[in-house]
Amino acid sequence: MEPTADLPILDDADVPGPDAEALAASVPQTAGGDGAPARPQQQVYIETYGCQMNVSDSEIVASVLQEAGYGLVDGPEEADVVLLNTCAIREEAEQKIRRRLDALRAERRKRNRGLEGRQKRDLRLGVLGCMAERLREKLLEEEQKVDLVAGPDAYRDLPRLLRKNRAGGQAAVNVQLSKEETYADLAPVRYADNGLQAYVSIMRGCDNMCAFCVVPFTRGRERSRPTTTILGECARLVGEGYKEITVLGQNVNSYRFERDGETVSFAELLDRISRISPELRVRYSTSHPKDCSEELLEVHAARPNVCNYIHLPVQHGNTEVLDRMRRTYTREQYLALIEQARALCPGVSFSTDLIAGFCGETEAQHRDTLSLMKEVRYDHAFMFKYSERPGTYAQRKYDDDVPPEVKQRRLEEIIHLQQQIAEEENQQEIGRVKTVLVEGTSKKSDAQLAGRADNGKTVVFDKEDYRPGQYVNVEVTDCTSSTLLGRAVEATTLEAERLAIGG
């Protein structure tokens, strides 16, 4: 998925997303007869780990449970049920969830210490998402860590699963994958955003079967959501004041919806979304190089509110390794695509995913990754050590034969080079004026605001009289490897910027 604006230094971490930060559901409850908030029968707390797709899924879970009468609270201390929406793409991601479950089980014991009978307030634990599908037997039977397990296509069934578990104390599970489920008819409860930027899921699953990836086994085959429901959701978000939408899919640019003789490609969908409002910025994640078509690049070039930024995971810089990874393109084809994009979309910014130490990787092949990074010059990157995942093609066919210390050293070389490139690229921004969507107060100073430019870079500047939700032109005066620092010039609009450049 799309990287965050700050350059992440990732080792054994969760998949790209909001720094794998746990996001909590917090929704106001219905008032009682005396005006005080009414406490629903059961309170649920949702923690989300991993990518933007998981954040979007948690908003769907919140919608399903709220409709069923559950309350959504902002901490486990207030909850009767804690649901962890999980990631399974790396071993450390799974170990993090296990540690969190152990802590919650300890909290459950502490909560009821010294209490008896009806005084006791149980805390039920559930695991959702990719880890749930992959490890259901271990979680429920061998380790007995949880009361409920639900896979990515079973969220509509959560109320029944919770009732079943509560009624008899019996572990409840549904990890069945679907060929049709897209949750297209559900209105997500957007608890994890700032009211300005939203994720909209347009498809589910993945058909690519990359050798290292467990996602096709945990999320199933690709299926695209009906176009009209996507456009309707985006239009509602604009009406509610949202300024930026990121459309999501495991392989988002393979979106293809057919009905009544009409076929809508991802490029056509992106164009239609961008026409909902000239003041709406549109991003997408994650794309696959094989589906990055000329038609899609032409939409970038033609629609000024489609951000001039593409997250285009390469994974490796050596053709032989790419073939072992089953990525379906060569180094040369990838570089040709980068060149084509830059020709059609001047100034386009790229980010990527990189894996160090894949099966059989030699020192020379590792150097090919470094040389590709120097040639492309990514603005952002997500960087990982290879982590073998059970059931994948790589686990079945290859030896995980690169020693851990070699993986670590190669990863550190990739990280160091990317930091150097990012800072050099940011130095080139000094003196330029960037149109920034103000997201909120800077994390480092209440006197400053922070937001993102069109190319995904974080920009920080003095607050003055500006506020979140505005577009502000900011002159860049300094930088780090992850942030642009600047001086506000004036408030603006996307339409004004389009007219200024003759768009």
Protein backbone atom coordinates (compact mmCIF):
# COMPACT_ATOMS: atom_id res chain seq x y z
CA MET A 1 0.00 0.00 0.00
CA GLU A 2 0.90 3.60 -0.32
CA PRO A 3 3.68 4.79 2.01
CA THR A 4 3.14 7.48 4.57
CA ALA A 5 4.60 10.89 3.96
CA ASP A 6 7.46 10.45 6.43
CA LEU A 7 10.21 8.21 5.09
CA PRO A 8 9.84 4.97 7.03
CA ILE A 9 12.81 2.91 8.13
CA LEU A 10 11.28 -0.52 8.10
CA ASP A 11 12.86 -3.72 9.26
CA ASP A 12 10.58 -6.44 10.56
CA ALA A 13 7.49 -4.24 10.49
CA ASP A 14 3.91 -4.33 9.40
CA VAL A 15 2.92 -3.74 5.81
CA PRO A 16 2.91 -0.19 4.42
CA GLY A 17 0.28 1.98 5.96
CA PRO A 18 -0.12 4.38 8.81
CA ASP A 19 3.15 3.26 10.50
CA ALA A 20 1.35 0.10 11.67
CA GLU A 21 -0.16 2.33 14.35
CA ALA A 22 -3.16 0.92 16.17
CA LEU A 23 -6.22 3.01 15.36
CA ALA A 24 -9.15 3.02 17.75
CA ALA A 25 -12.85 3.30 17.03
CA SER A 26 -14.54 6.23 18.74
CA VAL A 27 -18.15 6.96 17.80
CA PRO A 28 -20.66 8.99 19.88
CA GLN A 29 -23.38 6.89 21.48
CA THR A 30 -27.14 7.51 21.38
CA ALA A 31 -28.35 9.67 24.27
CA GLY A 32 -30.65 8.21 26.90
CA GLY A 33 -33.92 9.68 28.14
CA ASP A 34 -32.17 11.96 30.65
CA GLY A 35 -29.82 13.30 28.00
CA ALA A 36 -26.91 11.22 29.25
CA PRO A 37 -25.18 8.88 26.81
CA ALA A 38 -26.89 5.50 26.78
CA ARG A 39 -24.58 2.54 27.24
CA PRO A 40 -25.32 -0.12 24.61
CA GLN A 41 -25.43 -3.70 25.76
CA GLN A 42 -21.93 -4.40 24.48
CA GLN A 43 -19.03 -2.03 23.83
CA VAL A 44 -16.44 -2.84 21.16
CA TYR A 45 -12.92 -1.50 20.70
CA ILE A 46 -11.18 -2.02 17.34
CA GLU A 47 -7.41 -1.91 16.88
CA THR A 48 -6.02 -1.87 13.36
CA TYR A 49 -2.57 -2.96 12.27
CA GLY A 50 -1.02 -2.84 8.82
CA CYS A 51 -2.01 -1.24 5.56
CA GLN A 52 -4.65 1.27 4.48
CA MET A 53 -6.83 -1.63 3.33
CA ASN A 54 -7.02 -2.81 6.93
CA VAL A 55 -7.99 0.69 8.07
CA SER A 56 -10.76 0.68 5.47
CA ASP A 57 -11.85 -2.79 6.59
CA SER A 58 -12.05 -1.65 10.21
CA GLU A 59 -14.40 1.13 9.14
CA ILE A 60 -16.59 -1.56 7.54
CA VAL A 61 -16.47 -3.62 10.75
CA ALA A 62 -17.48 -0.54 12.74
CA SER A 63 -20.44 -0.01 10.39
CA VAL A 64 -21.61 -3.63 10.72
CA LEU A 65 -21.38 -3.63 14.51
CA GLN A 66 -22.92 -0.21 15.00
CA GLU A 67 -25.88 -1.25 12.84
CA ALA A 68 -26.25 -4.34 15.05
CA GLY A 69 -26.49 -2.18 18.18
CA TYR A 70 -22.95 -2.36 19.51
CA GLY A 71 -21.24 0.69 20.92
CA LEU A 72 -17.79 1.66 19.70
CA VAL A 73 -15.35 2.98 22.28
CA ASP A 74 -11.87 4.46 22.20
CA GLY A 75 -9.98 2.14 24.52
CA PRO A 76 -9.86 -1.47 25.72
CA GLU A 77 -10.51 -0.36 29.30
CA GLU A 78 -14.11 0.51 28.39
CA ALA A 79 -14.71 -2.47 26.13
CA ASP A 80 -16.54 -5.76 26.47
CA VAL A 81 -15.05 -6.91 23.16
CA VAL A 82 -11.64 -6.09 21.67
CA LEU A 83 -11.12 -6.88 17.98
CA LEU A 84 -7.64 -6.77 16.46
CA ASN A 85 -7.63 -6.30 12.69
CA THR A 86 -4.40 -7.93 11.71
CA CYS A 87 -1.65 -8.23 9.13
CA ALA A 88 0.06 -11.48 8.12
CA ILE A 89 2.52 -10.30 5.51
CA ARG A 90 5.56 -10.73 7.80
CA GLU A 91 6.40 -12.92 10.76
CA GLU A 92 7.12 -9.95 13.03
CA ALA A 93 3.68 -8.52 12.27
CA GLU A 94 2.12 -11.74 13.56
CA GLN A 95 4.37 -11.81 16.62
CA LYS A 96 3.32 -8.26 17.44
CA ILE A 97 -0.32 -9.36 17.48
CA ARG A 98 0.49 -12.33 19.72
CA ARG A 99 2.22 -10.01 22.20
CA ARG A 100 -0.77 -7.68 22.14
CA LEU A 101 -3.16 -10.57 22.76
CA ASP A 102 -1.08 -11.70 25.73
CA ALA A 103 -1.26 -8.17 27.17
CA LEU A 104 -5.04 -8.06 26.69
CA ARG A 105 -5.48 -11.45 28.32
CA ALA A 106 -3.47 -10.18 31.28
CA GLU A 107 -5.75 -7.13 31.38
CA ARG A 108 -8.76 -9.45 31.40
CA ARG A 109 -7.40 -11.34 34.42
CA LYS A 110 -6.56 -8.10 36.20
CA ARG A 111 -9.99 -6.64 35.51
CA ASN A 112 -11.78 -9.45 37.36
CA ARG A 113 -9.24 -10.05 40.13
CA GLY A 114 -11.07 -10.30 43.45
CA LEU A 115 -14.51 -10.11 41.82
CA GLU A 116 -17.09 -12.85 41.87
CA GLY A 117 -20.27 -13.78 40.03
CA ARG A 118 -22.14 -10.93 38.39
CA GLN A 119 -19.51 -8.44 39.48
CA LYS A 120 -17.19 -9.88 36.87
CA ARG A 121 -17.04 -8.10 33.52
CA ASP A 122 -15.70 -10.35 30.83
CA LEU A 123 -13.45 -9.17 28.04
CA ARG A 124 -13.78 -11.13 24.83
CA LEU A 125 -10.95 -11.05 22.31
CA GLY A 126 -11.22 -11.47 18.56
CA VAL A 127 -8.81 -11.50 15.65
CA LEU A 128 -9.89 -10.24 12.22
CA GLY A 129 -8.26 -9.98 8.82
CA CYS A 130 -5.33 -11.73 7.19
CA MET A 131 -3.83 -13.30 10.29
CA ALA A 132 -7.25 -14.62 11.27
CA GLU A 133 -7.63 -16.49 7.99
CA ARG A 134 -4.12 -17.89 8.11
CA LEU A 135 -3.83 -18.93 11.76
CA ARG A 136 -7.37 -19.74 12.84
CA GLU A 137 -6.56 -23.20 14.23
CA LYS A 138 -3.53 -22.05 16.21
CA LEU A 139 -5.31 -19.02 17.64
CA LEU A 140 -8.46 -20.91 18.63
CA GLU A 141 -7.31 -24.41 19.51
CA GLU A 142 -3.57 -24.70 20.07
CA GLU A 143 -2.82 -21.35 21.70
CA GLN A 144 -6.37 -20.56 22.87
CA LYS A 145 -5.61 -16.86 22.71
CA VAL A 146 -8.95 -15.63 21.34
CA ASP A 147 -12.70 -16.14 21.49
CA LEU A 148 -13.49 -15.20 17.91
CA VAL A 149 -11.79 -15.33 14.51
CA ALA A 150 -13.19 -13.71 11.34
CA GLY A 151 -11.53 -13.47 7.94
CA PRO A 152 -11.64 -10.46 5.60
CA ASP A 153 -14.80 -11.65 3.81
CA ALA A 154 -16.75 -12.54 6.98
CA TYR A 155 -17.36 -9.14 8.58
CA ARG A 156 -21.11 -9.20 7.93
CA ASP A 157 -21.21 -12.31 10.13
CA LEU A 158 -19.61 -10.64 13.16
CA PRO A 159 -22.88 -9.99 15.07
CA ARG A 160 -23.80 -13.70 14.82
CA LEU A 161 -20.31 -14.79 15.82
CA LEU A 162 -20.36 -12.51 18.85
CA ARG A 163 -23.79 -13.77 19.89
CA LYS A 164 -22.66 -17.37 19.52
CA ASN A 165 -19.59 -16.81 21.65
CA ARG A 166 -21.45 -14.88 24.31
CA ALA A 167 -24.29 -17.36 24.59
CA GLY A 168 -22.23 -20.47 25.15
CA GLY A 169 -18.67 -19.37 25.70
CA GLN A 170 -17.88 -21.28 22.53
CA ALA A 171 -15.15 -20.03 20.21
CA ALA A 172 -16.67 -18.65 17.01
CA VAL A 173 -15.01 -18.69 13.61
CA ASN A 174 -15.73 -17.74 10.00
CA VAL A 175 -12.80 -17.43 7.63
CA GLN A 176 -14.54 -18.45 4.42
CA LEU A 177 -13.35 -16.48 1.41
CA SER A 178 -15.89 -15.12 -1.06
CA LYS A 179 -15.84 -14.72 -4.82
CA GLU A 180 -18.35 -11.85 -4.69
CA GLU A 181 -18.04 -9.91 -1.41
CA THR A 182 -16.97 -6.26 -1.83
CA TYR A 183 -19.08 -4.65 0.96
CA ALA A 184 -20.27 -2.24 -1.72
CA ASP A 185 -23.60 -1.52 0.01
CA LEU A 186 -22.11 -0.61 3.40
CA ALA A 187 -21.38 2.94 4.52
CA PRO A 188 -18.11 2.81 6.48
CA VAL A 189 -17.93 4.49 9.89
CA ARG A 190 -14.95 6.80 9.35
CA TYR A 191 -13.48 6.92 12.82
CA ALA A 192 -9.81 6.78 11.84
CA ASP A 193 -9.48 9.91 9.73
CA ASN A 194 -9.29 13.67 10.17
CA GLY A 195 -12.47 14.56 8.29
CA LEU A 196 -10.42 15.70 5.29
CA GLN A 197 -8.90 12.52 3.86
CA ALA A 198 -10.66 9.20 3.36
CA TYR A 199 -9.95 5.75 2.01
CA VAL A 200 -12.39 4.20 -0.47
CA SER A 201 -11.99 0.51 -1.21
CA ILE A 202 -12.76 -0.28 -4.87
CA MET A 203 -11.79 -3.95 -5.08
CA ARG A 204 -10.70 -6.87 -2.96
CA GLY A 205 -8.29 -9.76 -3.35
CA CYS A 206 -5.33 -10.33 -5.65
CA ASP A 207 -4.67 -12.65 -8.60
CA ASN A 208 -0.94 -11.99 -9.01
CA MET A 209 0.47 -14.81 -6.86
CA CYS A 210 3.89 -13.22 -6.30
CA ALA A 211 6.22 -15.84 -4.84
CA PHE A 212 6.79 -14.05 -1.53
CA CYS A 213 3.23 -12.87 -0.83
CA VAL A 214 0.56 -14.45 1.35
CA VAL A 215 -2.21 -11.98 0.39
CA PRO A 216 -3.92 -14.12 -2.32
CA PHE A 217 -4.28 -16.88 0.27
CA THR A 218 -5.68 -14.60 2.98
CA ARG A 219 -7.83 -12.25 0.87
CA GLY A 220 -8.84 -14.41 -2.07
CA ARG A 221 -9.23 -13.68 -5.76
CA GLU A 222 -9.76 -10.26 -7.28
CA ARG A 223 -13.27 -8.87 -7.52
CA SER A 224 -14.15 -5.29 -8.42
CA ARG A 225 -16.80 -3.23 -6.72
CA PRO A 226 -19.64 -1.77 -8.86
CA THR A 227 -18.61 1.58 -10.32
CA THR A 228 -21.81 3.40 -9.33
CA THR A 229 -21.36 2.55 -5.65
CA ILE A 230 -17.79 3.87 -5.70
CA LEU A 231 -18.80 7.13 -7.35
CA GLY A 232 -21.70 7.49 -4.95
CA GLU A 233 -19.46 7.05 -1.91
CA CYS A 234 -16.93 9.55 -3.25
CA ALA A 235 -19.66 12.10 -3.97
CA ARG A 236 -21.01 11.72 -0.42
CA LEU A 237 -17.54 12.29 0.99
CA VAL A 238 -17.14 15.48 -1.02
CA GLY A 239 -20.53 16.62 0.26
CA GLU A 240 -19.32 16.01 3.82
CA GLY A 241 -16.28 18.23 3.28
CA TYR A 242 -13.56 15.71 2.48
CA LYS A 243 -10.73 17.13 0.36
CA GLU A 244 -8.73 14.01 -0.53
CA ILE A 245 -9.69 10.44 -1.39
CA THR A 246 -7.31 7.51 -1.72
CA VAL A 247 -8.87 4.63 -3.63
CA LEU A 248 -7.63 1.27 -2.43
CA GLY A 249 -7.06 -2.23 -3.72
CA GLN A 250 -4.45 -4.93 -3.25
CA ASN A 251 -3.72 -4.36 -6.94
CA VAL A 252 -5.80 -1.28 -7.52
CA ASN A 253 -4.95 -0.63 -11.15
CA SER A 254 -6.30 -4.03 -12.20
CA TYR A 255 -9.80 -2.77 -11.36
CA ARG A 256 -12.25 -3.80 -14.09
CA PHE A 257 -16.02 -3.79 -13.71
CA GLU A 258 -18.35 -5.11 -16.39
CA ARG A 259 -22.12 -4.69 -16.50
CA ASP A 260 -24.74 -4.27 -19.24
CA GLY A 261 -22.13 -4.35 -21.97
CA GLU A 262 -20.02 -1.59 -20.41
CA THR A 263 -16.51 -2.16 -19.11
CA VAL A 264 -14.99 0.38 -16.74
CA SER A 265 -11.20 0.24 -16.41
CA PHE A 266 -9.25 1.70 -13.53
CA ALA A 267 -8.18 4.65 -15.66
CA GLU A 268 -11.83 5.40 -16.53
CA LEU A 269 -12.87 5.08 -12.89
CA LEU A 270 -10.10 7.42 -11.75
CA ASP A 271 -11.14 9.97 -14.37
CA ARG A 272 -14.78 9.81 -13.23
CA ILE A 273 -13.85 10.25 -9.57
CA SER A 274 -11.67 13.25 -10.39
CA ARG A 275 -14.63 14.94 -12.13
CA ILE A 276 -16.83 14.84 -9.02
CA SER A 277 -15.22 18.06 -7.78
CA PRO A 278 -12.27 20.14 -9.01
CA GLU A 279 -11.32 20.68 -5.35
CA LEU A 280 -10.98 16.97 -4.59
CA ARG A 281 -7.51 15.48 -4.63
CA VAL A 282 -7.41 11.84 -5.75
CA ARG A 283 -4.72 9.28 -4.92
CA TYR A 284 -4.57 5.49 -5.22
CA SER A 285 -2.70 2.52 -3.81
CA THR A 286 -1.28 -0.03 -4.45
CA SER A 287 -0.51 -0.42 -8.13
CA HIS A 288 1.32 -3.18 -10.00
CA PRO A 289 3.72 -2.25 -12.82
CA LYS A 290 2.09 -4.72 -15.25
CA ASP A 291 -1.23 -2.83 -14.98
CA CYS A 292 0.18 0.71 -15.16
CA SER A 293 -1.21 1.48 -18.61
CA GLU A 294 -0.66 4.42 -20.93
CA GLU A 295 -4.37 5.19 -20.49
CA LEU A 296 -3.82 5.56 -16.74
CA LEU A 297 -0.81 7.83 -17.22
CA GLU A 298 -2.86 9.98 -19.60
CA VAL A 299 -5.46 10.47 -16.85
CA HIS A 300 -2.67 11.68 -14.56
CA ALA A 301 -1.58 14.13 -17.23
CA ALA A 302 -5.08 15.36 -18.08
CA ARG A 303 -6.67 15.66 -14.63
CA PRO A 304 -4.84 18.18 -12.39
CA ASN A 305 -6.55 16.93 -9.23
CA VAL A 306 -5.24 13.38 -9.75
CA CYS A 307 -2.04 13.63 -7.74
CA ASN A 308 1.16 13.53 -9.75
CA TYR A 309 2.40 10.70 -7.58
CA ILE A 310 2.51 6.93 -8.18
CA HIS A 311 3.34 4.21 -5.69
CA LEU A 312 4.89 1.62 -8.01
CA PRO A 313 6.43 -1.30 -6.10
CA VAL A 314 9.46 -2.74 -7.87
CA GLN A 315 10.52 -5.14 -5.06
CA HIS A 316 13.98 -5.74 -6.58
CA GLY A 317 16.41 -4.37 -9.15
CA ASN A 318 17.61 -7.62 -10.72
CA THR A 319 15.67 -9.36 -13.50
CA GLU A 320 16.58 -12.88 -12.38
CA VAL A 321 15.35 -12.17 -8.85
CA LEU A 322 12.20 -10.54 -10.22
CA ASP A 323 11.56 -13.71 -12.20
CA ARG A 324 11.96 -15.84 -9.07
CA MET A 325 9.58 -13.46 -7.32
CA ARG A 326 7.07 -14.03 -10.17
CA ARG A 327 6.70 -10.28 -10.72
CA THR A 328 6.07 -10.65 -14.51
CA TYR A 329 8.35 -7.81 -15.63
CA THR A 330 12.08 -7.25 -16.07
CA ARG A 331 14.28 -4.50 -14.74
CA GLU A 332 14.38 -2.99 -18.22
CA GLN A 333 10.60 -3.04 -18.59
CA TYR A 334 10.15 -1.36 -15.22
CA LEU A 335 12.64 1.39 -16.09
CA ALA A 336 10.93 1.90 -19.46
CA LEU A 337 7.63 2.39 -17.61
CA ILE A 338 9.25 4.99 -15.34
CA GLU A 339 10.58 6.79 -18.42
CA GLN A 340 7.16 6.71 -20.10
CA ALA A 341 5.47 8.10 -16.99
CA ARG A 342 7.96 10.94 -16.73
CA ALA A 343 7.48 11.80 -20.40
CA LEU A 344 3.67 11.95 -20.08
CA CYS A 345 3.57 13.43 -16.55
CA PRO A 346 6.46 15.87 -16.03
CA GLY A 347 7.51 16.09 -12.39
CA VAL A 348 5.76 12.86 -11.39
CA SER A 349 6.90 11.51 -8.04
CA PHE A 350 7.46 7.80 -7.36
CA SER A 351 7.54 5.65 -4.26
CA THR A 352 8.18 1.93 -4.06
CA ASP A 353 8.55 -1.26 -2.02
CA LEU A 354 11.90 -3.04 -1.79
CA ILE A 355 12.82 -6.46 -0.38
CA ALA A 356 16.35 -7.27 0.80
CA GLY A 357 17.62 -10.82 1.00
CA PHE A 358 15.09 -12.73 -1.10
CA CYS A 359 15.83 -16.41 -1.68
CA GLY A 360 19.10 -16.92 -3.55
CA GLU A 361 19.96 -13.21 -3.73
CA THR A 362 23.66 -12.69 -4.45
CA GLU A 363 25.76 -9.66 -3.61
CA ALA A 364 25.77 -8.64 -7.28
CA GLN A 365 21.98 -8.90 -7.45
CA HIS A 366 21.68 -6.78 -4.31
CA ARG A 367 23.86 -4.14 -5.98
CA ASP A 368 21.38 -4.14 -8.89
CA THR A 369 18.70 -2.98 -6.46
CA LEU A 370 20.97 -0.14 -5.30
CA SER A 371 21.72 0.87 -8.88
CA LEU A 372 18.03 0.87 -9.81
CA MET A 373 17.30 3.12 -6.83
CA LYS A 374 19.95 5.55 -8.04
CA GLU A 375 18.45 5.54 -11.53
CA VAL A 376 14.80 6.02 -10.52
CA ARG A 377 15.45 8.23 -7.46
CA TYR A 378 12.35 7.45 -5.42
CA ASP A 379 10.94 10.12 -3.14
CA HIS A 380 9.71 7.53 -0.63
CA ALA A 381 10.24 3.82 -0.09
CA PHE A 382 9.08 0.97 2.08
CA MET A 383 12.02 -1.32 2.74
CA PHE A 384 11.96 -4.81 4.23
CA LYS A 385 14.01 -7.89 4.91
CA TYR A 386 12.52 -10.94 3.21
CA SER A 387 10.29 -12.87 5.60
CA GLU A 388 9.28 -16.39 4.56
CA ARG A 389 5.52 -16.95 4.76
CA PRO A 390 3.99 -20.43 5.00
CA GLY A 391 2.11 -21.61 1.94
CA THR A 392 3.63 -19.16 -0.52
CA TYR A 393 5.35 -20.25 -3.72
CA ALA A 394 8.72 -19.13 -2.33
CA GLN A 395 8.25 -21.16 0.84
CA ARG A 396 7.36 -24.26 -1.17
CA LYS A 397 9.96 -23.95 -3.94
CA TYR A 398 12.97 -22.00 -2.64
CA ASP A 399 15.38 -22.11 0.27
CA ASP A 400 15.41 -19.05 2.51
CA ASP A 401 19.18 -19.16 2.23
CA VAL A 402 20.37 -15.59 2.78
CA PRO A 403 21.73 -15.42 6.36
CA PRO A 404 19.85 -13.04 8.71
CA GLU A 405 22.91 -10.86 9.28
CA VAL A 406 23.38 -10.49 5.51
CA LYS A 407 19.71 -9.56 5.07
CA GLN A 408 20.10 -6.96 7.80
CA ARG A 409 23.24 -5.46 6.31
CA ARG A 410 21.70 -5.27 2.83
CA LEU A 411 18.54 -3.70 4.22
CA GLU A 412 20.60 -1.07 6.03
CA GLU A 413 22.42 -0.26 2.78
CA ILE A 414 19.08 0.18 1.00
CA ILE A 415 17.75 2.40 3.80
CA HIS A 416 20.89 4.53 3.89
CA LEU A 417 20.83 5.05 0.13
CA GLN A 418 17.12 5.90 0.11
CA GLN A 419 17.59 8.50 2.86
CA GLN A 420 20.41 10.05 0.86
CA ILE A 421 18.36 10.14 -2.35
CA ALA A 422 15.27 11.51 -0.58
CA GLU A 423 17.24 14.34 1.00
CA GLU A 424 18.91 15.20 -2.31
CA GLU A 425 15.53 15.24 -4.07
CA ASN A 426 14.07 17.40 -1.30
CA GLN A 427 16.97 19.84 -1.66
CA GLN A 428 15.81 20.35 -5.24
CA GLU A 429 12.44 21.54 -3.90
CA ILE A 430 13.97 24.53 -2.08
CA GLY A 431 12.74 27.75 -3.68
CA ARG A 432 9.72 26.06 -5.28
CA VAL A 433 6.12 26.80 -4.28
CA LYS A 434 4.06 23.73 -3.37
CA THR A 435 0.27 23.59 -3.06
CA VAL A 436 -0.34 21.94 0.31
CA LEU A 437 -3.54 20.45 1.71
CA VAL A 438 -3.34 21.43 5.38
CA GLU A 439 -4.00 18.33 7.51
CA GLY A 440 -3.49 19.71 11.02
CA THR A 441 -1.02 20.92 13.60
CA SER A 442 2.57 19.76 13.22
CA LYS A 443 3.59 16.92 15.53
CA LYS A 444 6.62 18.91 16.65
CA SER A 445 5.14 22.38 17.24
CA ASP A 446 1.68 23.77 17.99
CA ALA A 447 2.77 26.95 16.21
CA GLN A 448 3.10 25.14 12.89
CA LEU A 449 0.81 23.35 10.47
CA ALA A 450 1.58 20.26 8.41
CA GLY A 451 0.12 18.88 5.23
CA ARG A 452 1.00 17.12 2.01
CA ALA A 453 1.90 18.43 -1.38
CA ASP A 454 0.61 16.88 -4.59
CA ASN A 455 3.69 14.64 -4.76
CA GLY A 456 3.01 13.14 -1.33
CA LYS A 457 5.74 15.03 0.52
CA THR A 458 5.04 16.39 3.99
CA VAL A 459 5.32 20.18 4.23
CA VAL A 460 5.54 22.09 7.54
CA PHE A 461 5.07 25.85 7.88
CA ASP A 462 4.09 28.52 10.45
CA LYS A 463 0.40 28.43 11.34
CA GLU A 464 -0.45 32.15 10.97
CA ASP A 465 -4.18 32.34 10.13
CA TYR A 466 -4.39 29.16 8.07
CA ARG A 467 -6.43 26.14 9.12
CA PRO A 468 -6.88 22.43 8.32
CA GLY A 469 -8.77 21.78 5.10
CA GLN A 470 -7.36 24.76 3.24
CA TYR A 471 -5.07 24.56 0.25
CA VAL A 472 -2.07 26.81 0.89
CA ASN A 473 0.78 27.71 -1.43
CA VAL A 474 4.02 27.27 0.52
CA GLU A 475 7.50 28.31 -0.59
CA VAL A 476 10.01 25.64 0.42
CA THR A 477 12.93 27.12 2.38
CA ASP A 478 14.61 24.05 3.91
CA CYS A 479 14.25 20.28 4.19
CA THR A 480 15.19 17.01 5.81
CA SER A 481 15.14 13.61 4.13
CA SER A 482 11.45 13.22 5.04
CA THR A 483 10.00 16.74 5.34
CA LEU A 484 9.89 20.02 3.46
CA LEU A 485 9.97 23.20 5.57
CA GLY A 486 8.52 26.39 4.19
CA ARG A 487 6.87 29.79 4.35
CA ALA A 488 3.18 30.22 3.60
CA VAL A 489 2.53 32.47 0.61
CA GLU A 490 -1.26 32.47 0.28
CA ALA A 491 -4.40 30.39 0.54
CA THR A 492 -5.53 28.99 -2.79
CA THR A 493 -7.80 26.47 -4.47
CA LEU A 494 -7.05 23.64 -6.87
CA GLU A 495 -9.17 25.37 -9.50
CA ALA A 496 -7.15 28.58 -9.11
CA GLU A 497 -3.93 26.62 -9.52
CA ARG A 498 -5.29 24.88 -12.60
CA LEU A 499 -6.21 28.20 -14.21
CA ALA A 500 -2.84 29.71 -13.28
CA ILE A 501 -1.00 27.06 -15.28
CA GLY A 502 -3.51 27.14 -18.12
CA GLY A 503 -5.03 23.74 -17.26
